[in-house]
Amino acid sequence: MSEYKEPYLIMFRQVTRAIESIDKGYYFGARQVLVEAQIAAEEAYVDYFEKPKKKNKKTAVK
């Protein structure tokens, strides 16, 4: 489930920024924030699976 943590945080923060932009009437800026958030969250998700996994010493079989 940890593969969703970083993308979730990225999206949550950026959606908050987009809502603030919409409240101020900056619709194009809000759209841009959301597009960039989508890209960043997708990259974070993909990066999670591309990084080599560290072995947990406690659960490693000897």
Protein backbone atom coordinates (compact mmCIF):
# COMPACT_ATOMS: atom_id res chain seq x y z
CA MET A 1 0.00 0.00 0.00
CA SER A 2 2.98 2.31 0.44
CA GLU A 3 3.23 2.63 -3.34
CA TYR A 4 0.28 5.05 -3.11
CA LYS A 5 1.60 7.28 -0.33
CA GLU A 6 3.80 9.65 -2.34
CA PRO A 7 1.41 9.98 -5.34
CA TYR A 8 -1.48 10.61 -2.93
CA LEU A 9 0.40 13.37 -1.14
CA ILE A 10 1.35 14.98 -4.44
CA MET A 11 -2.25 14.95 -5.66
CA PHE A 12 -3.69 16.15 -2.36
CA ARG A 13 -1.36 19.14 -2.14
CA GLN A 14 -1.85 20.10 -5.76
CA VAL A 15 -5.63 19.72 -5.67
CA THR A 16 -5.61 22.08 -2.70
CA ARG A 17 -3.59 24.58 -4.76
CA ALA A 18 -5.97 24.18 -7.68
CA ILE A 19 -9.02 24.81 -5.48
CA GLU A 20 -7.39 27.97 -4.16
CA SER A 21 -6.71 29.10 -7.73
CA ILE A 22 -10.31 28.42 -8.75
CA ASP A 23 -11.57 30.39 -5.75
CA LYS A 24 -9.51 33.34 -7.00
CA GLY A 25 -10.83 32.94 -10.54
CA TYR A 26 -7.57 31.60 -12.01
CA TYR A 27 -9.13 28.73 -13.97
CA PHE A 28 -6.34 28.21 -16.47
CA GLY A 29 -3.77 28.20 -13.65
CA ALA A 30 -5.84 25.67 -11.74
CA ARG A 31 -5.97 23.43 -14.79
CA GLN A 32 -2.21 23.68 -15.21
CA VAL A 33 -1.65 22.77 -11.55
CA LEU A 34 -3.83 19.67 -11.99
CA VAL A 35 -2.06 18.57 -15.16
CA GLU A 36 1.33 18.94 -13.49
CA ALA A 37 0.07 17.07 -10.42
CA GLN A 38 -1.14 14.21 -12.57
CA ILE A 39 2.24 13.92 -14.25
CA ALA A 40 4.17 14.15 -10.95
CA ALA A 41 1.96 11.57 -9.23
CA GLU A 42 2.29 9.16 -12.13
CA GLU A 43 6.09 9.57 -12.12
CA ALA A 44 6.22 8.94 -8.36
CA TYR A 45 4.14 5.79 -8.76
CA VAL A 46 6.31 4.46 -11.59
CA ASP A 47 9.52 5.35 -9.73
CA TYR A 48 8.33 3.32 -6.75
CA PHE A 49 8.38 0.15 -8.85
CA GLU A 50 11.59 0.94 -10.70
CA LYS A 51 13.70 1.40 -7.56
CA PRO A 52 15.39 -1.76 -6.29
CA LYS A 53 13.77 -3.02 -3.11
CA LYS A 54 15.84 -3.04 0.08
CA LYS A 55 15.79 -6.34 1.93
CA ASN A 56 14.40 -6.22 5.41
CA LYS A 57 16.99 -7.83 7.70
CA LYS A 58 14.32 -9.02 10.11
CA THR A 59 12.35 -10.94 7.50
CA ALA A 60 15.25 -12.08 5.32
CA VAL A 61 15.65 -15.84 5.12
CA LYS A 62 19.12 -17.12 5.93
